[in-house]
Amino acid sequence: MSSFAKTPTPPYYAVIFSSIRTDGDNGYGKMSEKMVELASTQKGFLGIESARDQEIGITVSYWDSLEAIKSWKEHATHRLAQNRGKKDWYESFAIRVCKVERDSFFEM
């Protein structure tokens, strides 16, 4: 991704997904793209930002409500990806849900 998510004026919510991957792709790249495409069609989705180095990946998705986050978590296709992640793609991960009350941006 080459730009920041276009979020509205706060408040809104952020889901921070930090992960340590297993070796190899094992279909991860394709599923990751599919999940971003699918999430972007969900009610309440505001945007996504992601970065990864050799050790850790961090993806932050933005949502307009806790209900939208819950709906995405329970989406059938997303559930399949979650289960596959636990089985094949992640050594470990953490999920944090935060309410964004203030934001600011700088761009040249």
PDB file of N, CA and C in Angstrom:
ATOM      1  N   MET A   1       0.825  -1.169   0.000  1.00  0.00           N
ATOM      2  CA  MET A   1       0.000   0.000   0.000  1.00  0.00           C
ATOM      3  C   MET A   1       0.878   1.244   0.000  1.00  0.00           C
ATOM      4  N   SER A   2       0.465   2.218  -0.735  1.00  0.00           N
ATOM      5  CA  SER A   2       1.308   3.404  -0.853  1.00  0.00           C
ATOM      6  C   SER A   2       0.677   4.660  -0.269  1.00  0.00           C
ATOM      7  N   SER A   3      -0.450   4.538   0.398  1.00  0.00           N
ATOM      8  CA  SER A   3      -1.062   5.713   0.995  1.00  0.00           C
ATOM      9  C   SER A   3      -1.791   5.312   2.280  1.00  0.00           C
ATOM     10  N   PHE A   4      -2.103   6.318   3.068  1.00  0.00           N
ATOM     11  CA  PHE A   4      -2.844   6.078   4.294  1.00  0.00           C
ATOM     12  C   PHE A   4      -4.310   5.830   3.983  1.00  0.00           C
ATOM     13  N   ALA A   5      -4.967   5.075   4.845  1.00  0.00           N
ATOM     14  CA  ALA A   5      -6.407   4.882   4.720  1.00  0.00           C
ATOM     15  C   ALA A   5      -7.094   6.235   4.878  1.00  0.00           C
ATOM     16  N   LYS A   6      -8.124   6.449   4.112  1.00  0.00           N
ATOM     17  CA  LYS A   6      -8.891   7.702   4.172  1.00  0.00           C
ATOM     18  C   LYS A   6     -10.004   7.542   5.206  1.00  0.00           C
ATOM     19  N   THR A   7      -9.688   7.879   6.426  1.00  0.00           N
ATOM     20  CA  THR A   7     -10.634   7.723   7.523  1.00  0.00           C
ATOM     21  C   THR A   7     -11.422   9.012   7.758  1.00  0.00           C
ATOM     22  N   PRO A   8     -12.611   8.879   8.339  1.00  0.00           N
ATOM     23  CA  PRO A   8     -13.416  10.069   8.613  1.00  0.00           C
ATOM     24  C   PRO A   8     -12.928  10.777   9.877  1.00  0.00           C
ATOM     25  N   THR A   9     -13.573  11.847  10.222  1.00  0.00           N
ATOM     26  CA  THR A   9     -13.311  12.513  11.491  1.00  0.00           C
ATOM     27  C   THR A   9     -13.652  11.553  12.626  1.00  0.00           C
ATOM     28  N   PRO A  10     -12.764  11.421  13.618  1.00  0.00           N
ATOM     29  CA  PRO A  10     -13.051  10.504  14.735  1.00  0.00           C
ATOM     30  C   PRO A  10     -14.333  10.912  15.464  1.00  0.00           C
ATOM     31  N   PRO A  11     -14.927   9.955  16.169  1.00  0.00           N
ATOM     32  CA  PRO A  11     -14.399   8.640  16.514  1.00  0.00           C
ATOM     33  C   PRO A  11     -14.704   7.584  15.458  1.00  0.00           C
ATOM     34  N   TYR A  12     -13.823   6.599  15.395  1.00  0.00           N
ATOM     35  CA  TYR A  12     -13.994   5.376  14.620  1.00  0.00           C
ATOM     36  C   TYR A  12     -13.121   4.325  15.302  1.00  0.00           C
ATOM     37  N   TYR A  13     -13.054   3.148  14.755  1.00  0.00           N
ATOM     38  CA  TYR A  13     -12.346   2.050  15.413  1.00  0.00           C
ATOM     39  C   TYR A  13     -11.230   1.498  14.537  1.00  0.00           C
ATOM     40  N   ALA A  14     -10.183   1.001  15.203  1.00  0.00           N
ATOM     41  CA  ALA A  14      -9.056   0.367  14.526  1.00  0.00           C
ATOM     42  C   ALA A  14      -8.873  -1.035  15.089  1.00  0.00           C
ATOM     43  N   VAL A  15      -8.677  -1.996  14.198  1.00  0.00           N
ATOM     44  CA  VAL A  15      -8.322  -3.353  14.588  1.00  0.00           C
ATOM     45  C   VAL A  15      -6.864  -3.545  14.174  1.00  0.00           C
ATOM     46  N   ILE A  16      -6.005  -3.753  15.156  1.00  0.00           N
ATOM     47  CA  ILE A  16      -4.573  -3.919  14.914  1.00  0.00           C
ATOM     48  C   ILE A  16      -4.260  -5.409  14.972  1.00  0.00           C
ATOM     49  N   PHE A  17      -3.796  -5.949  13.860  1.00  0.00           N
ATOM     50  CA  PHE A  17      -3.448  -7.362  13.759  1.00  0.00           C
ATOM     51  C   PHE A  17      -1.942  -7.461  13.573  1.00  0.00           C
ATOM     52  N   SER A  18      -1.245  -7.928  14.608  1.00  0.00           N
ATOM     53  CA  SER A  18       0.208  -8.107  14.560  1.00  0.00           C
ATOM     54  C   SER A  18       0.480  -9.595  14.453  1.00  0.00           C
ATOM     55  N   SER A  19       1.415  -9.976  13.562  1.00  0.00           N
ATOM     56  CA  SER A  19       1.627 -11.402  13.345  1.00  0.00           C
ATOM     57  C   SER A  19       3.087 -11.748  13.066  1.00  0.00           C
ATOM     58  N   ILE A  20       3.411 -12.977  13.421  1.00  0.00           N
ATOM     59  CA  ILE A  20       4.682 -13.581  13.051  1.00  0.00           C
ATOM     60  C   ILE A  20       4.319 -14.787  12.193  1.00  0.00           C
ATOM     61  N   ARG A  21       4.830 -14.798  10.970  1.00  0.00           N
ATOM     62  CA  ARG A  21       4.467 -15.811   9.976  1.00  0.00           C
ATOM     63  C   ARG A  21       5.299 -17.076  10.106  1.00  0.00           C
ATOM     64  N   THR A  22       4.750 -18.152   9.575  1.00  0.00           N
ATOM     65  CA  THR A  22       5.501 -19.382   9.381  1.00  0.00           C
ATOM     66  C   THR A  22       6.306 -19.238   8.093  1.00  0.00           C
ATOM     67  N   ASP A  23       7.194 -20.165   7.819  1.00  0.00           N
ATOM     68  CA  ASP A  23       7.988 -20.133   6.587  1.00  0.00           C
ATOM     69  C   ASP A  23       7.117 -20.496   5.384  1.00  0.00           C
ATOM     70  N   GLY A  24       7.422 -19.895   4.259  1.00  0.00           N
ATOM     71  CA  GLY A  24       6.727 -20.206   3.011  1.00  0.00           C
ATOM     72  C   GLY A  24       5.407 -19.465   2.878  1.00  0.00           C
ATOM     73  N   ASP A  25       4.926 -19.400   1.639  1.00  0.00           N
ATOM     74  CA  ASP A  25       3.684 -18.693   1.363  1.00  0.00           C
ATOM     75  C   ASP A  25       2.466 -19.559   1.651  1.00  0.00           C
ATOM     76  N   ASN A  26       2.474 -20.782   1.155  1.00  0.00           N
ATOM     77  CA  ASN A  26       1.374 -21.730   1.393  1.00  0.00           C
ATOM     78  C   ASN A  26      -0.009 -21.164   1.084  1.00  0.00           C
ATOM     79  N   GLY A  27      -0.095 -20.294   0.062  1.00  0.00           N
ATOM     80  CA  GLY A  27      -1.370 -19.706  -0.326  1.00  0.00           C
ATOM     81  C   GLY A  27      -1.741 -18.445   0.441  1.00  0.00           C
ATOM     82  N   TYR A  28      -0.836 -17.984   1.297  1.00  0.00           N
ATOM     83  CA  TYR A  28      -1.120 -16.811   2.132  1.00  0.00           C
ATOM     84  C   TYR A  28      -1.350 -15.550   1.292  1.00  0.00           C
ATOM     85  N   GLY A  29      -0.471 -15.288   0.343  1.00  0.00           N
ATOM     86  CA  GLY A  29      -0.555 -14.059  -0.453  1.00  0.00           C
ATOM     87  C   GLY A  29      -1.895 -13.918  -1.153  1.00  0.00           C
ATOM     88  N   LYS A  30      -2.335 -14.985  -1.776  1.00  0.00           N
ATOM     89  CA  LYS A  30      -3.609 -14.954  -2.495  1.00  0.00           C
ATOM     90  C   LYS A  30      -4.775 -14.737  -1.534  1.00  0.00           C
ATOM     91  N   MET A  31      -4.761 -15.440  -0.401  1.00  0.00           N
ATOM     92  CA  MET A  31      -5.850 -15.281   0.573  1.00  0.00           C
ATOM     93  C   MET A  31      -5.839 -13.886   1.183  1.00  0.00           C
ATOM     94  N   SER A  32      -4.657 -13.350   1.437  1.00  0.00           N
ATOM     95  CA  SER A  32      -4.554 -12.001   1.994  1.00  0.00           C
ATOM     96  C   SER A  32      -5.202 -10.980   1.062  1.00  0.00           C
ATOM     97  N   GLU A  33      -4.894 -11.075  -0.223  1.00  0.00           N
ATOM     98  CA  GLU A  33      -5.506 -10.172  -1.203  1.00  0.00           C
ATOM     99  C   GLU A  33      -7.026 -10.336  -1.219  1.00  0.00           C
ATOM    100  N   LYS A  34      -7.487 -11.583  -1.167  1.00  0.00           N
ATOM    101  CA  LYS A  34      -8.925 -11.847  -1.178  1.00  0.00           C
ATOM    102  C   LYS A  34      -9.600 -11.251   0.061  1.00  0.00           C
ATOM    103  N   MET A  35      -8.946 -11.340   1.211  1.00  0.00           N
ATOM    104  CA  MET A  35      -9.536 -10.803   2.445  1.00  0.00           C
ATOM    105  C   MET A  35      -9.629  -9.281   2.406  1.00  0.00           C
ATOM    106  N   VAL A  36      -8.618  -8.615   1.853  1.00  0.00           N
ATOM    107  CA  VAL A  36      -8.679  -7.154   1.731  1.00  0.00           C
ATOM    108  C   VAL A  36      -9.822  -6.763   0.788  1.00  0.00           C
ATOM    109  N   GLU A  37      -9.936  -7.462  -0.332  1.00  0.00           N
ATOM    110  CA  GLU A  37     -11.020  -7.178  -1.272  1.00  0.00           C
ATOM    111  C   GLU A  37     -12.380  -7.391  -0.620  1.00  0.00           C
ATOM    112  N   LEU A  38     -12.523  -8.493   0.096  1.00  0.00           N
ATOM    113  CA  LEU A  38     -13.794  -8.814   0.740  1.00  0.00           C
ATOM    114  C   LEU A  38     -14.110  -7.837   1.874  1.00  0.00           C
ATOM    115  N   ALA A  39     -13.127  -7.534   2.698  1.00  0.00           N
ATOM    116  CA  ALA A  39     -13.343  -6.592   3.804  1.00  0.00           C
ATOM    117  C   ALA A  39     -13.800  -5.243   3.277  1.00  0.00           C
ATOM    118  N   SER A  40     -13.217  -4.821   2.161  1.00  0.00           N
ATOM    119  CA  SER A  40     -13.551  -3.496   1.628  1.00  0.00           C
ATOM    120  C   SER A  40     -14.991  -3.395   1.145  1.00  0.00           C
ATOM    121  N   THR A  41     -15.673  -4.520   1.002  1.00  0.00           N
ATOM    122  CA  THR A  41     -17.082  -4.500   0.593  1.00  0.00           C
ATOM    123  C   THR A  41     -18.027  -4.584   1.793  1.00  0.00           C
ATOM    124  N   GLN A  42     -17.477  -4.733   2.989  1.00  0.00           N
ATOM    125  CA  GLN A  42     -18.310  -4.906   4.179  1.00  0.00           C
ATOM    126  C   GLN A  42     -18.827  -3.566   4.694  1.00  0.00           C
ATOM    127  N   LYS A  43     -20.049  -3.605   5.193  1.00  0.00           N
ATOM    128  CA  LYS A  43     -20.656  -2.416   5.793  1.00  0.00           C
ATOM    129  C   LYS A  43     -19.780  -1.952   6.961  1.00  0.00           C
ATOM    130  N   GLY A  44     -19.442  -0.676   6.979  1.00  0.00           N
ATOM    131  CA  GLY A  44     -18.669  -0.099   8.063  1.00  0.00           C
ATOM    132  C   GLY A  44     -17.169  -0.084   7.856  1.00  0.00           C
ATOM    133  N   PHE A  45     -16.679  -0.715   6.787  1.00  0.00           N
ATOM    134  CA  PHE A  45     -15.237  -0.719   6.511  1.00  0.00           C
ATOM    135  C   PHE A  45     -14.796   0.668   6.056  1.00  0.00           C
ATOM    136  N   LEU A  46     -13.686   1.154   6.631  1.00  0.00           N
ATOM    137  CA  LEU A  46     -13.191   2.495   6.299  1.00  0.00           C
ATOM    138  C   LEU A  46     -11.857   2.488   5.568  1.00  0.00           C
ATOM    139  N   GLY A  47     -11.047   1.462   5.753  1.00  0.00           N
ATOM    140  CA  GLY A  47      -9.754   1.419   5.092  1.00  0.00           C
ATOM    141  C   GLY A  47      -8.812   0.457   5.800  1.00  0.00           C
ATOM    142  N   ILE A  48      -7.605   0.336   5.219  1.00  0.00           N
ATOM    143  CA  ILE A  48      -6.626  -0.615   5.758  1.00  0.00           C
ATOM    144  C   ILE A  48      -5.216  -0.121   5.456  1.00  0.00           C
ATOM    145  N   GLU A  49      -4.299  -0.409   6.369  1.00  0.00           N
ATOM    146  CA  GLU A  49      -2.872  -0.120   6.195  1.00  0.00           C
ATOM    147  C   GLU A  49      -2.103  -1.341   6.664  1.00  0.00           C
ATOM    148  N   SER A  50      -1.016  -1.671   5.975  1.00  0.00           N
ATOM    149  CA  SER A  50      -0.293  -2.890   6.321  1.00  0.00           C
ATOM    150  C   SER A  50       1.193  -2.731   6.038  1.00  0.00           C
ATOM    151  N   ALA A  51       2.004  -3.355   6.902  1.00  0.00           N
ATOM    152  CA  ALA A  51       3.458  -3.352   6.707  1.00  0.00           C
ATOM    153  C   ALA A  51       4.017  -4.660   7.264  1.00  0.00           C
ATOM    154  N   ARG A  52       5.091  -5.141   6.657  1.00  0.00           N
ATOM    155  CA  ARG A  52       5.728  -6.371   7.116  1.00  0.00           C
ATOM    156  C   ARG A  52       7.220  -6.284   6.847  1.00  0.00           C
ATOM    157  N   ASP A  53       8.003  -6.770   7.816  1.00  0.00           N
ATOM    158  CA  ASP A  53       9.426  -6.950   7.578  1.00  0.00           C
ATOM    159  C   ASP A  53       9.718  -8.444   7.690  1.00  0.00           C
ATOM    160  N   GLN A  54      10.958  -8.827   7.927  1.00  0.00           N
ATOM    161  CA  GLN A  54      11.302 -10.242   7.990  1.00  0.00           C
ATOM    162  C   GLN A  54      10.759 -10.926   9.253  1.00  0.00           C
ATOM    163  N   GLU A  55      10.413 -10.158  10.267  1.00  0.00           N
ATOM    164  CA  GLU A  55       9.978 -10.752  11.524  1.00  0.00           C
ATOM    165  C   GLU A  55       8.492 -10.593  11.813  1.00  0.00           C
ATOM    166  N   ILE A  56       7.986  -9.396  11.661  1.00  0.00           N
ATOM    167  CA  ILE A  56       6.616  -9.122  12.124  1.00  0.00           C
ATOM    168  C   ILE A  56       5.824  -8.356  11.062  1.00  0.00           C
ATOM    169  N   GLY A  57       4.542  -8.647  11.016  1.00  0.00           N
ATOM    170  CA  GLY A  57       3.635  -7.909  10.154  1.00  0.00           C
ATOM    171  C   GLY A  57       2.605  -7.207  11.003  1.00  0.00           C
ATOM    172  N   ILE A  58       2.202  -6.027  10.570  1.00  0.00           N
ATOM    173  CA  ILE A  58       1.161  -5.282  11.273  1.00  0.00           C
ATOM    174  C   ILE A  58       0.163  -4.776  10.230  1.00  0.00           C
ATOM    175  N   THR A  59      -1.079  -5.140  10.425  1.00  0.00           N
ATOM    176  CA  THR A  59      -2.157  -4.660   9.573  1.00  0.00           C
ATOM    177  C   THR A  59      -3.177  -3.973  10.468  1.00  0.00           C
ATOM    178  N   VAL A  60      -3.565  -2.770  10.077  1.00  0.00           N
ATOM    179  CA  VAL A  60      -4.570  -2.020  10.817  1.00  0.00           C
ATOM    180  C   VAL A  60      -5.753  -1.798   9.877  1.00  0.00           C
ATOM    181  N   SER A  61      -6.899  -2.317  10.282  1.00  0.00           N
ATOM    182  CA  SER A  61      -8.117  -2.045   9.514  1.00  0.00           C
ATOM    183  C   SER A  61      -8.980  -1.083  10.332  1.00  0.00           C
ATOM    184  N   TYR A  62      -9.695  -0.223   9.628  1.00  0.00           N
ATOM    185  CA  TYR A  62     -10.489   0.823  10.263  1.00  0.00           C
ATOM    186  C   TYR A  62     -11.968   0.575   9.976  1.00  0.00           C
ATOM    187  N   TRP A  63     -12.788   0.783  11.016  1.00  0.00           N
ATOM    188  CA  TRP A  63     -14.216   0.471  10.946  1.00  0.00           C
ATOM    189  C   TRP A  63     -15.019   1.573  11.627  1.00  0.00           C
ATOM    190  N   ASP A  64     -16.271   1.711  11.206  1.00  0.00           N
ATOM    191  CA  ASP A  64     -17.098   2.775  11.787  1.00  0.00           C
ATOM    192  C   ASP A  64     -17.775   2.387  13.098  1.00  0.00           C
ATOM    193  N   SER A  65     -17.770   1.093  13.443  1.00  0.00           N
ATOM    194  CA  SER A  65     -18.452   0.677  14.671  1.00  0.00           C
ATOM    195  C   SER A  65     -17.933  -0.673  15.152  1.00  0.00           C
ATOM    196  N   LEU A  66     -18.198  -0.955  16.410  1.00  0.00           N
ATOM    197  CA  LEU A  66     -17.870  -2.270  16.961  1.00  0.00           C
ATOM    198  C   LEU A  66     -18.731  -3.354  16.315  1.00  0.00           C
ATOM    199  N   GLU A  67     -19.953  -3.015  15.938  1.00  0.00           N
ATOM    200  CA  GLU A  67     -20.837  -3.968  15.269  1.00  0.00           C
ATOM    201  C   GLU A  67     -20.260  -4.385  13.913  1.00  0.00           C
ATOM    202  N   ALA A  68     -19.681  -3.434  13.181  1.00  0.00           N
ATOM    203  CA  ALA A  68     -19.063  -3.758  11.887  1.00  0.00           C
ATOM    204  C   ALA A  68     -17.866  -4.685  12.078  1.00  0.00           C
ATOM    205  N   ILE A  69     -17.083  -4.452  13.116  1.00  0.00           N
ATOM    206  CA  ILE A  69     -15.934  -5.314  13.412  1.00  0.00           C
ATOM    207  C   ILE A  69     -16.412  -6.723  13.740  1.00  0.00           C
ATOM    208  N   LYS A  70     -17.439  -6.832  14.559  1.00  0.00           N
ATOM    209  CA  LYS A  70     -17.982  -8.145  14.935  1.00  0.00           C
ATOM    210  C   LYS A  70     -18.512  -8.876  13.711  1.00  0.00           C
ATOM    211  N   SER A  71     -19.206  -8.163  12.849  1.00  0.00           N
ATOM    212  CA  SER A  71     -19.750  -8.760  11.633  1.00  0.00           C
ATOM    213  C   SER A  71     -18.623  -9.293  10.743  1.00  0.00           C
ATOM    214  N   TRP A  72     -17.545  -8.533  10.602  1.00  0.00           N
ATOM    215  CA  TRP A  72     -16.410  -8.969   9.801  1.00  0.00           C
ATOM    216  C   TRP A  72     -15.745 -10.195  10.433  1.00  0.00           C
ATOM    217  N   LYS A  73     -15.570 -10.171  11.735  1.00  0.00           N
ATOM    218  CA  LYS A  73     -14.955 -11.310  12.427  1.00  0.00           C
ATOM    219  C   LYS A  73     -15.744 -12.589  12.185  1.00  0.00           C
ATOM    220  N   GLU A  74     -17.069 -12.466  12.115  1.00  0.00           N
ATOM    221  CA  GLU A  74     -17.935 -13.634  11.971  1.00  0.00           C
ATOM    222  C   GLU A  74     -18.263 -13.994  10.522  1.00  0.00           C
ATOM    223  N   HIS A  75     -17.784 -13.209   9.552  1.00  0.00           N
ATOM    224  CA  HIS A  75     -18.049 -13.494   8.134  1.00  0.00           C
ATOM    225  C   HIS A  75     -17.517 -14.885   7.792  1.00  0.00           C
ATOM    226  N   ALA A  76     -18.328 -15.690   7.115  1.00  0.00           N
ATOM    227  CA  ALA A  76     -17.984 -17.098   6.859  1.00  0.00           C
ATOM    228  C   ALA A  76     -16.645 -17.275   6.140  1.00  0.00           C
ATOM    229  N   THR A  77     -16.388 -16.507   5.107  1.00  0.00           N
ATOM    230  CA  THR A  77     -15.131 -16.641   4.363  1.00  0.00           C
ATOM    231  C   THR A  77     -13.952 -16.172   5.205  1.00  0.00           C
ATOM    232  N   HIS A  78     -14.151 -15.114   5.967  1.00  0.00           N
ATOM    233  CA  HIS A  78     -13.097 -14.634   6.857  1.00  0.00           C
ATOM    234  C   HIS A  78     -12.803 -15.686   7.930  1.00  0.00           C
ATOM    235  N   ARG A  79     -13.825 -16.369   8.430  1.00  0.00           N
ATOM    236  CA  ARG A  79     -13.625 -17.440   9.416  1.00  0.00           C
ATOM    237  C   ARG A  79     -12.762 -18.557   8.845  1.00  0.00           C
ATOM    238  N   LEU A  80     -12.989 -18.907   7.585  1.00  0.00           N
ATOM    239  CA  LEU A  80     -12.151 -19.929   6.938  1.00  0.00           C
ATOM    240  C   LEU A  80     -10.690 -19.479   6.903  1.00  0.00           C
ATOM    241  N   ALA A  81     -10.472 -18.214   6.554  1.00  0.00           N
ATOM    242  CA  ALA A  81      -9.104 -17.675   6.512  1.00  0.00           C
ATOM    243  C   ALA A  81      -8.484 -17.660   7.911  1.00  0.00           C
ATOM    244  N   GLN A  82      -9.270 -17.303   8.929  1.00  0.00           N
ATOM    245  CA  GLN A  82      -8.768 -17.307  10.298  1.00  0.00           C
ATOM    246  C   GLN A  82      -8.299 -18.706  10.703  1.00  0.00           C
ATOM    247  N   ASN A  83      -9.115 -19.704  10.403  1.00  0.00           N
ATOM    248  CA  ASN A  83      -8.753 -21.074  10.751  1.00  0.00           C
ATOM    249  C   ASN A  83      -7.508 -21.548  10.003  1.00  0.00           C
ATOM    250  N   ARG A  84      -7.425 -21.193   8.741  1.00  0.00           N
ATOM    251  CA  ARG A  84      -6.239 -21.552   7.951  1.00  0.00           C
ATOM    252  C   ARG A  84      -5.003 -20.839   8.494  1.00  0.00           C
ATOM    253  N   GLY A  85      -5.167 -19.591   8.934  1.00  0.00           N
ATOM    254  CA  GLY A  85      -4.059 -18.849   9.525  1.00  0.00           C
ATOM    255  C   GLY A  85      -3.502 -19.533  10.752  1.00  0.00           C
ATOM    256  N   LYS A  86      -4.391 -20.002  11.619  1.00  0.00           N
ATOM    257  CA  LYS A  86      -3.957 -20.694  12.832  1.00  0.00           C
ATOM    258  C   LYS A  86      -3.240 -22.000  12.493  1.00  0.00           C
ATOM    259  N   LYS A  87      -3.679 -22.632  11.442  1.00  0.00           N
ATOM    260  CA  LYS A  87      -3.129 -23.936  11.062  1.00  0.00           C
ATOM    261  C   LYS A  87      -1.836 -23.829  10.247  1.00  0.00           C
ATOM    262  N   ASP A  88      -1.786 -22.863   9.306  1.00  0.00           N
ATOM    263  CA  ASP A  88      -0.713 -22.865   8.304  1.00  0.00           C
ATOM    264  C   ASP A  88       0.165 -21.617   8.241  1.00  0.00           C
ATOM    265  N   TRP A  89      -0.345 -20.442   8.594  1.00  0.00           N
ATOM    266  CA  TRP A  89       0.350 -19.207   8.242  1.00  0.00           C
ATOM    267  C   TRP A  89       1.010 -18.468   9.388  1.00  0.00           C
ATOM    268  N   TYR A  90       0.556 -18.664  10.603  1.00  0.00           N
ATOM    269  CA  TYR A  90       1.064 -17.850  11.713  1.00  0.00           C
ATOM    270  C   TYR A  90       1.700 -18.697  12.801  1.00  0.00           C
ATOM    271  N   GLU A  91       2.870 -18.263  13.234  1.00  0.00           N
ATOM    272  CA  GLU A  91       3.465 -18.827  14.448  1.00  0.00           C
ATOM    273  C   GLU A  91       2.740 -18.252  15.659  1.00  0.00           C
ATOM    274  N   SER A  92       2.440 -16.961  15.570  1.00  0.00           N
ATOM    275  CA  SER A  92       1.701 -16.284  16.634  1.00  0.00           C
ATOM    276  C   SER A  92       1.099 -15.003  16.074  1.00  0.00           C
ATOM    277  N   PHE A  93       0.068 -14.511  16.766  1.00  0.00           N
ATOM    278  CA  PHE A  93      -0.523 -13.235  16.380  1.00  0.00           C
ATOM    279  C   PHE A  93      -1.233 -12.614  17.571  1.00  0.00           C
ATOM    280  N   ALA A  94      -1.487 -11.317  17.458  1.00  0.00           N
ATOM    281  CA  ALA A  94      -2.232 -10.575  18.467  1.00  0.00           C
ATOM    282  C   ALA A  94      -3.230  -9.680  17.743  1.00  0.00           C
ATOM    283  N   ILE A  95      -4.400  -9.542  18.335  1.00  0.00           N
ATOM    284  CA  ILE A  95      -5.436  -8.666  17.789  1.00  0.00           C
ATOM    285  C   ILE A  95      -5.833  -7.681  18.886  1.00  0.00           C
ATOM    286  N   ARG A  96      -5.825  -6.408  18.514  1.00  0.00           N
ATOM    287  CA  ARG A  96      -6.216  -5.358  19.451  1.00  0.00           C
ATOM    288  C   ARG A  96      -7.264  -4.476  18.774  1.00  0.00           C
ATOM    289  N   VAL A  97      -8.317  -4.158  19.509  1.00  0.00           N
ATOM    290  CA  VAL A  97      -9.374  -3.292  18.992  1.00  0.00           C
ATOM    291  C   VAL A  97      -9.327  -1.996  19.787  1.00  0.00           C
ATOM    292  N   CYS A  98      -9.246  -0.881  19.073  1.00  0.00           N
ATOM    293  CA  CYS A  98      -9.077   0.426  19.707  1.00  0.00           C
ATOM    294  C   CYS A  98     -10.099   1.419  19.161  1.00  0.00           C
ATOM    295  N   LYS A  99     -10.498   2.334  19.998  1.00  0.00           N
ATOM    296  CA  LYS A  99     -11.337   3.455  19.557  1.00  0.00           C
ATOM    297  C   LYS A  99     -10.407   4.626  19.254  1.00  0.00           C
ATOM    298  N   VAL A 100     -10.479   5.131  18.040  1.00  0.00           N
ATOM    299  CA  VAL A 100      -9.676   6.294  17.647  1.00  0.00           C
ATOM    300  C   VAL A 100     -10.473   7.542  18.017  1.00  0.00           C
ATOM    301  N   GLU A 101      -9.908   8.319  18.896  1.00  0.00           N
ATOM    302  CA  GLU A 101     -10.595   9.533  19.338  1.00  0.00           C
ATOM    303  C   GLU A 101      -9.985  10.793  18.749  1.00  0.00           C
ATOM    304  N   ARG A 102      -8.765  10.675  18.242  1.00  0.00           N
ATOM    305  CA  ARG A 102      -8.090  11.826  17.651  1.00  0.00           C
ATOM    306  C   ARG A 102      -7.129  11.290  16.606  1.00  0.00           C
ATOM    307  N   ASP A 103      -6.977  12.015  15.510  1.00  0.00           N
ATOM    308  CA  ASP A 103      -5.960  11.683  14.505  1.00  0.00           C
ATOM    309  C   ASP A 103      -5.398  12.943  13.890  1.00  0.00           C
ATOM    310  N   SER A 104      -4.238  12.822  13.302  1.00  0.00           N
ATOM    311  CA  SER A 104      -3.629  13.926  12.561  1.00  0.00           C
ATOM    312  C   SER A 104      -2.728  13.322  11.502  1.00  0.00           C
ATOM    313  N   PHE A 105      -2.522  14.054  10.440  1.00  0.00           N
ATOM    314  CA  PHE A 105      -1.744  13.574   9.301  1.00  0.00           C
ATOM    315  C   PHE A 105      -0.784  14.651   8.835  1.00  0.00           C
ATOM    316  N   PHE A 106       0.325  14.220   8.276  1.00  0.00           N
ATOM    317  CA  PHE A 106       1.265  15.108   7.625  1.00  0.00           C
ATOM    318  C   PHE A 106       1.611  14.503   6.270  1.00  0.00           C
ATOM    319  N   GLU A 107       1.544  15.298   5.233  1.00  0.00           N
ATOM    320  CA  GLU A 107       1.950  14.865   3.889  1.00  0.00           C
ATOM    321  C   GLU A 107       2.661  16.016   3.210  1.00  0.00           C
ATOM    322  N   MET A 108       3.705  15.700   2.473  1.00  0.00           N
ATOM    323  CA  MET A 108       4.427  16.715   1.706  1.00  0.00           C
ATOM    324  C   MET A 108       3.793  16.877   0.357  1.00  0.00           C
TER     325      MET A 108
END
